[in-house]
């Protein structure tokens, strides 16, 4: 007699499935056992084993998922797997702004605003703080009494540690989030330099590594005497925290100068601050989704641009480039032999500036050089505008204005170039990259996808069922894209299905 049922699904490993399989096993061995009530002692044992099996299989599935870069979900595991490829996730970047400091009247002696002076927004709770990057001086008798200085959305910190000559010393910094590259390490014997690894470090090289964990806390590690010199005495670490998109404040918001100031003679002065232009450059830390996309690409292209995909990857390595498509004569017969056309979409969409196109050309021909005889042209993207018209029926009690705003927001999200974390939006792409099951380009925007976006909007009851109740560029059909075309949202016309008027 078989101890197991003839058909066993080993992919079904939850509590209920394991309990059912255990009962089937018991029945095959003890056919007289028919009482599987919850209160029975035997059933208690069965459910105990099913529970343990459920927990163990959950751990096994979780370990399997987190051990692969494409399926890992926890940031610490993505960071560890990416590090095995030699790829390091980027931390947040700090925004910078030009500040104008102005005195109420011309000073009779020099007034110095030291580096590190804090200028912030005027919110009482959680203001955005910037620090001056250098000393600013308003000279005696200067008219007008003002000075322009660069400020950064960051905070300085200092931490002291007694090294005691320990080999492989590690220093965990207290404050977060750490700003990449901001650590300055000094000792009584000299300054230390940050490196990516100790592979090229000799026994007398003053080097240190920085490793940032999933909580943006940095750990500094020093050499062991064979690879890198161990520090001795007191180690002074100066570093900065901050960064993120929250620092991209609008013009005129940095108006509060913290602290009291006086001129060189000790007479107090009154100072006002303002930023004429918005702060720029602040970015959040790199997401795990972005790392899962870019880490494999870091190995795909090392030093040169050879294959068609190499040009796209190297172009996207520029922070200002969101999407790129490289076509040659193999993909577009109108292109000359031994030449290629690189279409570039900047962050946020639109057309790239001439400066950005020159930068991309330099990136794929000099920084990552291609063959000498291959000619590369960097062009504006070819956008395919999609004008949408829909007759929409609303649910009872909802505002037409609100539903219209939600539909426009959902359509904008669907057609955006990039996701908020910087990864490409997978729902739209160049026509060449939209392929069928056989791998041939069939670039198209599906009518049904747009239908689903509108119908699934909160407050929409249905879309009219007549052929012309949803049209893309005037037709109730899919929109075909040429290989170089990229879809973009055009005019959206919404009609209230109940009243016949505009929504």
Protein backbone atom coordinates (compact mmCIF):
# COMPACT_ATOMS: atom_id res chain seq x y z
CA UNK A 1 0.00 0.00 0.00
CA UNK A 2 1.30 3.46 -0.91
CA UNK A 3 2.02 5.73 2.05
CA UNK A 4 1.35 8.91 0.04
CA UNK A 5 -1.49 9.91 -2.26
CA UNK A 6 -0.76 9.30 -5.92
CA UNK A 7 -0.98 13.01 -6.71
CA UNK A 8 0.99 15.44 -4.53
CA UNK A 9 1.38 19.15 -5.22
CA UNK A 10 4.68 20.14 -3.64
CA UNK A 11 4.15 23.82 -4.48
CA UNK A 12 1.13 24.02 -2.16
CA UNK A 13 2.81 24.44 1.22
CA UNK A 14 0.51 26.48 3.44
CA UNK A 15 -1.13 25.27 6.65
CA UNK A 16 -4.36 24.02 5.08
CA UNK A 17 -2.58 22.15 2.29
CA UNK A 18 -0.13 20.50 4.66
CA UNK A 19 -2.95 19.50 7.01
CA UNK A 20 -4.89 17.96 4.13
CA UNK A 21 -1.81 16.01 2.98
CA UNK A 22 -1.11 14.78 6.51
CA UNK A 23 -4.71 13.59 6.90
CA UNK A 24 -4.43 11.78 3.56
CA UNK A 25 -1.20 10.15 4.77
CA UNK A 26 -2.81 9.06 8.07
CA UNK A 27 -5.81 7.59 6.25
CA UNK A 28 -3.53 5.61 3.94
CA UNK A 29 -1.70 4.09 6.94
CA UNK A 30 -4.56 3.90 9.48
CA UNK A 31 -7.78 3.40 7.49
CA UNK A 32 -9.76 2.94 10.72
CA UNK A 33 -8.88 6.43 11.90
CA UNK A 34 -11.84 8.52 10.80
CA UNK A 35 -12.18 11.03 13.63
CA UNK A 36 -10.43 14.24 12.58
CA UNK A 37 -12.39 16.59 14.81
CA UNK A 38 -10.56 19.67 16.06
CA UNK A 39 -10.78 18.55 19.71
CA UNK A 40 -9.13 15.18 19.06
CA UNK A 41 -5.60 14.65 20.35
CA UNK A 42 -4.50 13.13 17.06
CA UNK A 43 -5.79 16.14 15.18
CA UNK A 44 -3.86 18.41 17.55
CA UNK A 45 -0.66 16.61 16.55
CA UNK A 46 -1.55 16.84 12.85
CA UNK A 47 -2.20 20.56 13.06
CA UNK A 48 0.98 21.09 15.08
CA UNK A 49 3.05 19.45 12.35
CA UNK A 50 1.14 21.40 9.67
CA UNK A 51 1.86 24.65 11.50
CA UNK A 52 5.58 23.85 11.84
CA UNK A 53 5.71 22.89 8.17
CA UNK A 54 3.95 26.12 7.21
CA UNK A 55 6.54 28.18 9.12
CA UNK A 56 9.52 26.24 7.77
CA UNK A 57 8.36 26.42 4.16
CA UNK A 58 7.75 30.16 4.57
CA UNK A 59 11.35 30.57 5.72
CA UNK A 60 12.60 28.44 2.83
CA UNK A 61 10.63 30.41 0.26
CA UNK A 62 11.76 33.68 1.80
CA UNK A 63 15.43 32.63 1.73
CA UNK A 64 15.11 31.52 -1.88
CA UNK A 65 13.47 34.79 -2.88
CA UNK A 66 15.93 37.01 -1.04
CA UNK A 67 18.98 35.16 -2.41
CA UNK A 68 18.40 36.40 -5.97
CA UNK A 69 18.74 39.98 -7.11
CA UNK A 70 15.71 39.94 -9.40
CA UNK A 71 13.35 38.69 -6.67
CA UNK A 72 14.83 40.20 -3.49
CA UNK A 73 12.53 42.64 -1.71
CA UNK A 74 14.52 43.72 1.36
CA UNK A 75 16.91 46.61 0.81
CA UNK A 76 19.72 45.07 2.85
CA UNK A 77 19.66 41.95 0.68
CA UNK A 78 19.61 43.97 -2.55
CA UNK A 79 22.61 45.94 -1.28
CA UNK A 80 24.53 42.75 -0.41
CA UNK A 81 23.77 41.08 -3.75
CA UNK A 82 24.65 44.23 -5.68
CA UNK A 83 27.93 44.48 -3.76
CA UNK A 84 28.83 41.02 -5.04
CA UNK A 85 28.65 42.53 -8.54
CA UNK A 86 30.82 45.44 -7.47
CA UNK A 87 27.85 47.82 -7.49
CA UNK A 88 27.13 50.25 -4.67
CA UNK A 89 23.76 51.88 -4.13
CA UNK A 90 23.85 55.67 -4.11
CA UNK A 91 22.73 57.61 -1.08
CA UNK A 92 20.75 60.81 -1.02
CA UNK A 93 22.26 63.93 -2.58
CA UNK A 94 22.02 67.33 -0.95
CA UNK A 95 20.37 70.27 -2.67
CA UNK A 96 22.29 73.53 -3.02
CA UNK A 97 21.08 77.10 -3.25
CA UNK A 98 22.61 80.53 -3.74
CA UNK A 99 21.75 82.72 -0.76
CA UNK A 100 21.89 86.48 -0.53
CA UNK A 101 22.70 87.78 2.95
CA UNK A 102 21.82 91.44 3.45
CA UNK A 103 22.45 93.82 6.36
CA UNK A 104 19.92 96.48 7.27
CA UNK A 105 22.64 99.14 6.94
CA UNK A 106 26.23 99.45 5.81
CA UNK A 107 28.61 98.13 8.52
CA UNK A 108 31.43 100.18 10.02
CA UNK A 109 33.59 97.04 10.31
CA UNK A 110 33.79 93.70 8.54
CA UNK A 111 31.00 91.24 9.24
CA UNK A 112 31.84 87.55 8.84
CA UNK A 113 29.27 84.78 8.49
CA UNK A 114 31.27 81.60 9.14
CA UNK A 115 30.89 78.39 7.18
CA UNK A 116 28.26 76.20 8.80
CA UNK A 117 25.90 79.09 9.59
CA UNK A 118 22.35 77.76 9.32
CA UNK A 119 19.74 79.39 7.10
CA UNK A 120 16.31 77.77 7.14
CA UNK A 121 12.73 78.06 6.05
CA UNK A 122 10.31 79.80 8.37
CA UNK A 123 8.20 76.78 9.39
CA UNK A 124 8.07 76.37 13.15
CA UNK A 125 8.00 72.56 13.01
CA UNK A 126 10.46 70.65 10.82
CA UNK A 127 11.96 73.54 8.85
CA UNK A 128 14.37 72.81 5.99
CA UNK A 129 17.88 73.77 7.08
CA UNK A 130 20.81 74.77 4.86
CA UNK A 131 24.37 75.49 5.94
CA UNK A 132 26.83 77.94 4.38
CA UNK A 133 29.59 76.13 2.52
CA UNK A 134 32.19 78.87 2.99
CA UNK A 135 32.75 82.00 4.99
CA UNK A 136 30.83 85.04 3.72
CA UNK A 137 32.17 88.53 4.38
CA UNK A 138 30.52 91.94 4.07
CA UNK A 139 33.29 94.51 4.18
CA UNK A 140 33.20 97.73 6.18
CA UNK A 141 31.39 100.49 4.33
CA UNK A 142 30.15 98.14 1.59
CA UNK A 143 27.07 99.47 -0.19
CA UNK A 144 24.79 97.72 -0.73
CA UNK A 145 25.63 95.62 2.30
CA UNK A 146 25.02 92.20 0.84
CA UNK A 147 26.92 89.08 -0.16
CA UNK A 148 26.06 85.95 -2.17
CA UNK A 149 27.12 82.57 -0.81
CA UNK A 150 26.46 78.90 -1.62
CA UNK A 151 24.48 76.85 0.90
CA UNK A 152 23.83 73.13 1.13
CA UNK A 153 20.96 71.12 2.58
CA UNK A 154 23.10 69.24 5.10
CA UNK A 155 24.32 69.22 8.69
CA UNK A 156 27.94 68.83 9.86
CA UNK A 157 28.92 66.36 12.57
CA UNK A 158 32.10 65.33 14.32
CA UNK A 159 32.87 62.07 16.08
CA UNK A 160 35.99 61.11 18.07
CA UNK A 161 37.25 57.55 18.58
CA UNK A 162 40.29 56.13 20.37
CA UNK A 163 41.87 53.78 17.82
CA UNK A 164 44.32 52.11 20.25
CA UNK A 165 46.19 50.69 17.24
CA UNK A 166 43.48 48.12 16.52
CA UNK A 167 43.71 46.29 13.20
CA UNK A 168 40.61 46.38 11.04
CA UNK A 169 39.09 49.11 13.22
CA UNK A 170 35.44 49.88 12.46
CA UNK A 171 33.70 53.13 13.47
CA UNK A 172 29.91 53.27 13.36
CA UNK A 173 28.81 56.87 12.81
CA UNK A 174 26.07 58.08 15.11
CA UNK A 175 23.96 60.28 12.81
CA UNK A 176 21.87 59.46 9.76
CA UNK A 177 21.24 59.76 6.85
CA UNK A 178 24.90 59.81 5.82
CA UNK A 179 25.87 61.85 2.75
CA UNK A 180 28.12 59.88 0.42
CA UNK A 181 31.69 61.11 0.20
CA UNK A 182 31.40 63.55 3.11
CA UNK A 183 33.65 61.74 5.61
CA UNK A 184 36.94 63.48 6.43
CA UNK A 185 39.22 61.44 8.70
CA UNK A 186 42.25 62.85 10.51
CA UNK A 187 44.61 61.54 13.18
CA UNK A 188 47.71 62.86 14.89
CA UNK A 189 49.84 61.12 12.25
CA UNK A 190 47.96 62.53 9.25
CA UNK A 191 44.78 62.41 7.20
CA UNK A 192 43.21 59.27 5.75
CA UNK A 193 41.74 58.93 2.25
CA UNK A 194 38.54 57.10 1.32
CA UNK A 195 38.91 54.24 -1.19
CA UNK A 196 36.52 51.72 -2.73
CA UNK A 197 38.54 48.70 -1.57
CA UNK A 198 41.82 47.73 0.08
CA UNK A 199 42.98 45.64 -2.88
CA UNK A 200 45.52 48.27 -3.98
CA UNK A 201 46.36 49.49 -0.46
CA UNK A 202 49.82 48.88 0.93
CA UNK A 203 50.73 48.48 4.62
CA UNK A 204 51.59 52.21 4.95
CA UNK A 205 48.66 53.66 2.98
CA UNK A 206 46.29 55.76 5.09
CA UNK A 207 43.03 54.47 3.57
CA UNK A 208 39.55 53.75 4.84
CA UNK A 209 36.33 52.30 3.47
CA UNK A 210 32.77 53.50 3.99
CA UNK A 211 29.88 51.06 4.00
CA UNK A 212 26.31 52.36 4.32
CA UNK A 213 23.57 50.02 5.54
CA UNK A 214 19.88 49.87 4.71
CA UNK A 215 19.16 52.52 7.35
CA UNK A 216 21.62 55.00 5.77
CA UNK A 217 24.02 54.62 8.71
CA UNK A 218 27.69 54.59 7.72
CA UNK A 219 30.47 52.42 9.07
CA UNK A 220 34.12 53.35 8.50
CA UNK A 221 36.63 50.51 8.28
CA UNK A 222 40.41 50.84 8.37
CA UNK A 223 43.26 48.59 7.28
CA UNK A 224 44.85 45.65 9.08
CA UNK A 225 48.50 46.56 8.56
CA UNK A 226 48.86 44.48 5.41
CA UNK A 227 46.22 46.22 3.33
CA UNK A 228 45.93 49.72 4.71
CA UNK A 229 47.55 51.34 7.74
CA UNK A 230 45.68 50.95 11.07
CA UNK A 231 45.11 54.35 12.72
CA UNK A 232 46.55 55.14 16.12
CA UNK A 233 45.59 57.65 18.79
CA UNK A 234 42.45 59.72 18.49
CA UNK A 235 40.56 59.43 15.19
CA UNK A 236 38.52 62.51 14.26
CA UNK A 237 35.71 61.93 11.75
CA UNK A 238 33.92 64.90 10.26
CA UNK A 239 30.92 64.07 8.10
CA UNK A 240 27.57 65.40 6.92
CA UNK A 241 24.00 64.14 7.01
CA UNK A 242 20.93 65.29 5.12
CA UNK A 243 20.04 65.39 1.46
CA UNK A 244 16.89 64.30 -0.33
CA UNK A 245 14.26 65.95 -2.48
CA UNK A 246 12.90 67.81 0.55
CA UNK A 247 15.80 70.23 0.09
CA UNK A 248 14.58 71.41 -3.33
CA UNK A 249 12.76 74.37 -1.81
CA UNK A 250 11.17 77.11 -3.88
CA UNK A 251 12.65 80.56 -4.41
CA UNK A 252 12.28 82.95 -1.49
CA UNK A 253 11.77 80.30 1.21
CA UNK A 254 15.20 80.38 2.89
CA UNK A 255 14.69 83.49 4.99
CA UNK A 256 15.66 82.73 8.62
CA UNK A 257 19.29 83.04 9.70
CA UNK A 258 19.96 81.21 12.95
CA UNK A 259 22.23 82.86 15.48
CA UNK A 260 23.32 86.37 16.43
CA UNK A 261 26.03 88.24 14.51
CA UNK A 262 28.26 91.23 15.11
CA UNK A 263 30.93 93.10 13.21
CA UNK A 264 34.66 92.95 13.88
CA UNK A 265 34.26 95.56 16.65
CA UNK A 266 31.60 93.56 18.47
CA UNK A 267 28.65 95.73 17.47
CA UNK A 268 25.53 93.62 16.72
CA UNK A 269 24.11 93.63 13.20
CA UNK A 270 20.80 92.59 11.75
CA UNK A 271 20.87 90.26 8.75
CA UNK A 272 18.20 89.03 6.32
CA UNK A 273 18.48 86.11 3.90
CA UNK A 274 16.76 85.08 0.70
CA UNK A 275 17.25 82.67 -2.19
CA UNK A 276 16.34 84.25 -5.52
CA UNK A 277 16.28 80.89 -7.31
CA UNK A 278 14.96 77.51 -6.18
CA UNK A 279 17.34 75.07 -4.55
CA UNK A 280 18.34 72.27 -6.91
CA UNK A 281 20.20 68.98 -6.92
CA UNK A 282 18.50 67.23 -4.02
CA UNK A 283 17.69 63.57 -4.70
CA UNK A 284 16.52 60.75 -2.48
CA UNK A 285 18.60 57.62 -1.96
CA UNK A 286 18.64 55.08 -4.75
CA UNK A 287 15.76 52.66 -4.51
CA UNK A 288 16.11 48.89 -4.46
CA UNK A 289 14.14 48.69 -7.72
CA UNK A 290 16.62 50.99 -9.43
CA UNK A 291 19.58 48.98 -8.14
CA UNK A 292 18.04 45.72 -9.36
CA UNK A 293 17.90 47.25 -12.84
CA UNK A 294 21.27 49.01 -12.92
CA UNK A 295 23.50 46.54 -11.06
CA UNK A 296 23.43 43.90 -13.83
CA UNK A 297 23.93 46.65 -16.42
CA UNK A 298 27.11 47.72 -14.63
CA UNK A 299 28.62 44.38 -15.70
CA UNK A 300 26.97 44.38 -19.12
CA UNK A 301 29.08 47.35 -20.24
CA UNK A 302 32.48 47.90 -18.63
CA UNK A 303 34.65 50.27 -20.68
CA UNK A 304 33.34 50.54 -24.25
CA UNK A 305 30.22 50.93 -26.42
CA UNK A 306 30.07 48.06 -28.90
CA UNK A 307 26.67 46.38 -29.09
CA UNK A 308 23.51 48.37 -29.78
CA UNK A 309 22.37 47.98 -26.17
CA UNK A 310 25.72 49.32 -24.91
CA UNK A 311 24.93 52.76 -26.28
CA UNK A 312 21.57 52.81 -24.50
CA UNK A 313 23.03 51.67 -21.16
CA UNK A 314 25.89 54.18 -21.27
CA UNK A 315 23.55 57.02 -22.19
CA UNK A 316 21.25 56.18 -19.26
CA UNK A 317 24.23 56.32 -16.91
CA UNK A 318 23.98 60.09 -17.16
CA UNK A 319 21.63 61.32 -14.40
CA UNK A 320 19.83 63.67 -16.81
CA UNK A 321 18.86 60.85 -19.22
CA UNK A 322 15.67 58.90 -18.52
CA UNK A 323 15.30 56.71 -21.63
CA UNK A 324 17.41 55.94 -24.67
CA UNK A 325 17.04 53.95 -27.90
CA UNK A 326 19.84 53.06 -30.30
CA UNK A 327 18.94 52.07 -33.87
CA UNK A 328 21.20 50.97 -36.69
CA UNK A 329 20.59 49.82 -40.25
CA UNK A 330 19.59 46.42 -38.87
CA UNK A 331 16.56 47.92 -37.14
CA UNK A 332 15.84 50.90 -39.44
CA UNK A 333 16.80 50.52 -43.14
CA UNK A 334 16.83 54.31 -43.57
CA UNK A 335 19.99 54.56 -41.42
CA UNK A 336 23.35 54.31 -43.21
CA UNK A 337 25.60 51.33 -42.72
CA UNK A 338 28.23 51.64 -39.98
CA UNK A 339 26.18 54.38 -38.33
CA UNK A 340 23.65 54.63 -35.55
CA UNK A 341 21.00 57.01 -34.28
CA UNK A 342 20.63 57.42 -30.52
CA UNK A 343 17.28 58.84 -29.42
CA UNK A 344 17.44 60.37 -25.93
CA UNK A 345 14.62 61.32 -23.56
CA UNK A 346 15.64 63.60 -20.66
CA UNK A 347 14.32 63.25 -17.13
CA UNK A 348 10.74 64.53 -17.04
CA UNK A 349 10.25 64.07 -20.79
CA UNK A 350 10.35 66.67 -23.52
CA UNK A 351 13.30 67.34 -25.80
CA UNK A 352 16.94 67.19 -24.66
CA UNK A 353 18.94 70.40 -24.71
CA UNK A 354 21.87 70.74 -27.15
CA UNK A 355 24.20 70.58 -24.14
CA UNK A 356 22.70 67.27 -23.01
CA UNK A 357 22.95 65.80 -26.52
CA UNK A 358 26.61 66.79 -26.69
CA UNK A 359 27.16 65.22 -23.29
CA UNK A 360 25.52 61.98 -24.44
CA UNK A 361 27.62 61.92 -27.60
CA UNK A 362 30.75 62.37 -25.51
CA UNK A 363 29.58 59.63 -23.14
CA UNK A 364 29.20 56.98 -25.88
CA UNK A 365 32.18 57.99 -28.02
CA UNK A 366 34.83 59.12 -25.53
CA UNK A 367 34.02 58.07 -21.96
CA UNK A 368 32.85 54.66 -23.23
CA UNK A 369 34.39 54.78 -26.72
CA UNK A 370 32.90 53.04 -29.74
CA UNK A 371 34.81 51.88 -32.82
CA UNK A 372 36.58 54.69 -34.68
CA UNK A 373 34.68 54.28 -37.96
CA UNK A 374 31.21 54.07 -36.37
CA UNK A 375 29.24 57.31 -36.65
CA UNK A 376 26.80 58.17 -33.86
CA UNK A 377 24.04 60.77 -34.12
CA UNK A 378 22.18 61.86 -30.98
CA UNK A 379 18.67 63.06 -31.83
CA UNK A 380 15.52 64.28 -30.11
CA UNK A 381 12.96 61.54 -29.36
CA UNK A 382 10.16 61.01 -31.82
CA UNK A 383 7.02 61.36 -29.75
CA UNK A 384 3.71 59.85 -30.83
CA UNK A 385 0.97 62.03 -29.38
CA UNK A 386 -2.16 60.23 -28.19
CA UNK A 387 -5.36 62.27 -28.05
CA UNK A 388 -7.99 60.49 -25.97
CA UNK A 389 -11.74 61.00 -26.03
CA UNK A 390 -14.06 59.06 -23.71
CA UNK A 391 -17.73 59.06 -22.68
CA UNK A 392 -17.75 58.34 -18.96
CA UNK A 393 -20.63 57.47 -16.65
CA UNK A 394 -20.18 58.49 -13.02
CA UNK A 395 -21.20 56.78 -9.82
CA UNK A 396 -23.93 58.41 -7.79
CA UNK A 397 -22.85 61.19 -5.46
CA UNK A 398 -19.40 61.89 -6.92
CA UNK A 399 -18.21 65.20 -8.31
CA UNK A 400 -17.50 65.36 -12.02
CA UNK A 401 -14.61 67.76 -11.42
CA UNK A 402 -13.03 65.35 -8.93
CA UNK A 403 -13.39 62.35 -11.24
CA UNK A 404 -11.95 64.30 -14.16
CA UNK A 405 -8.89 65.22 -12.09
CA UNK A 406 -8.44 61.58 -11.06
CA UNK A 407 -8.68 60.35 -14.66
CA UNK A 408 -6.15 62.92 -15.84
CA UNK A 409 -3.81 61.95 -12.99
CA UNK A 410 -4.11 58.22 -13.77
CA UNK A 411 -3.48 58.81 -17.48
CA UNK A 412 -0.49 61.02 -16.69
CA UNK A 413 0.89 58.28 -14.43
CA UNK A 414 0.34 55.67 -17.12
CA UNK A 415 2.21 57.66 -19.81
CA UNK A 416 4.99 59.14 -17.66
CA UNK A 417 8.55 58.51 -18.79
CA UNK A 418 9.94 57.33 -15.44
CA UNK A 419 8.67 56.07 -12.11
CA UNK A 420 9.21 58.23 -8.99
CA UNK A 421 12.25 56.13 -8.06
CA UNK A 422 13.90 56.90 -11.40
CA UNK A 423 13.36 53.50 -13.00
CA UNK A 424 11.81 53.39 -16.50
CA UNK A 425 8.04 53.22 -16.61
CA UNK A 426 7.38 49.66 -17.87
CA UNK A 427 3.95 50.54 -19.26
CA UNK A 428 5.28 52.69 -22.13
CA UNK A 429 8.35 52.32 -24.31
CA UNK A 430 9.79 52.94 -27.74
CA UNK A 431 8.02 51.01 -30.46
CA UNK A 432 11.12 48.89 -31.09
CA UNK A 433 11.11 47.57 -27.50
CA UNK A 434 7.46 46.46 -27.57
CA UNK A 435 7.74 42.93 -28.98
CA UNK A 436 5.44 39.96 -29.46
CA UNK A 437 5.99 36.44 -28.18
CA UNK A 438 8.33 35.71 -31.10
CA UNK A 439 10.54 38.71 -30.31
CA UNK A 440 9.52 40.90 -33.25
CA UNK A 441 8.69 44.61 -32.68
CA UNK A 442 4.94 45.20 -32.64
CA UNK A 443 4.99 48.62 -31.01
CA UNK A 444 1.50 49.66 -30.07
CA UNK A 445 -0.56 51.32 -27.39
CA UNK A 446 -3.43 48.97 -26.62
CA UNK A 447 -6.89 50.50 -26.67
CA UNK A 448 -7.89 48.09 -23.90
CA UNK A 449 -5.10 49.36 -21.60
CA UNK A 450 -6.34 52.95 -21.86
CA UNK A 451 -9.89 51.67 -21.35
CA UNK A 452 -8.84 49.94 -18.12
CA UNK A 453 -7.04 53.05 -16.80
CA UNK A 454 -10.17 55.18 -17.19
CA UNK A 455 -12.68 52.54 -16.10
CA UNK A 456 -10.71 51.66 -12.95
CA UNK A 457 -10.58 55.29 -11.80
CA UNK A 458 -12.39 55.83 -8.52
CA UNK A 459 -15.83 57.34 -9.17
CA UNK A 460 -16.23 55.95 -12.71
CA UNK A 461 -19.19 53.60 -13.09
CA UNK A 462 -18.53 52.59 -16.66
CA UNK A 463 -17.44 53.75 -20.12
CA UNK A 464 -20.04 53.92 -22.86
CA UNK A 465 -20.40 50.75 -24.97
CA UNK A 466 -20.76 52.44 -28.37
CA UNK A 467 -17.80 52.12 -30.78
CA UNK A 468 -16.96 55.81 -30.53
CA UNK A 469 -17.22 56.11 -26.75
CA UNK A 470 -13.46 55.65 -26.35
CA UNK A 471 -11.14 56.69 -29.15
CA UNK A 472 -7.37 57.03 -29.46
CA UNK A 473 -6.45 59.64 -32.06
CA UNK A 474 -10.03 59.50 -33.34
CA UNK A 475 -10.30 55.73 -33.74
CA UNK A 476 -11.57 52.98 -31.38
CA UNK A 477 -8.48 50.89 -32.01
CA UNK A 478 -4.89 50.29 -30.95
CA UNK A 479 -2.30 52.90 -31.95
CA UNK A 480 0.65 51.42 -33.82
CA UNK A 481 4.08 52.89 -33.17
CA UNK A 482 7.04 53.03 -35.48
CA UNK A 483 10.25 51.59 -34.05
CA UNK A 484 11.61 55.04 -33.07
CA UNK A 485 8.36 56.46 -31.68
CA UNK A 486 7.62 56.94 -27.98
CA UNK A 487 4.01 57.51 -26.84
CA UNK A 488 3.07 60.66 -24.98
CA UNK A 489 -0.24 61.88 -23.61
CA UNK A 490 -1.97 64.51 -25.72
CA UNK A 491 -5.39 66.12 -25.30
CA UNK A 492 -7.90 64.33 -23.08
CA UNK A 493 -11.57 65.01 -23.81
CA UNK A 494 -14.06 63.59 -21.32
CA UNK A 495 -17.82 63.61 -21.81
CA UNK A 496 -20.37 63.01 -19.06
CA UNK A 497 -22.34 59.99 -20.27
CA UNK A 498 -25.45 60.97 -18.30
CA UNK A 499 -25.70 64.63 -19.29
CA UNK A 500 -23.81 64.71 -22.58
CA UNK A 501 -21.83 67.74 -21.42
CA UNK A 502 -18.12 68.08 -20.79
CA UNK A 503 -16.88 66.37 -17.67
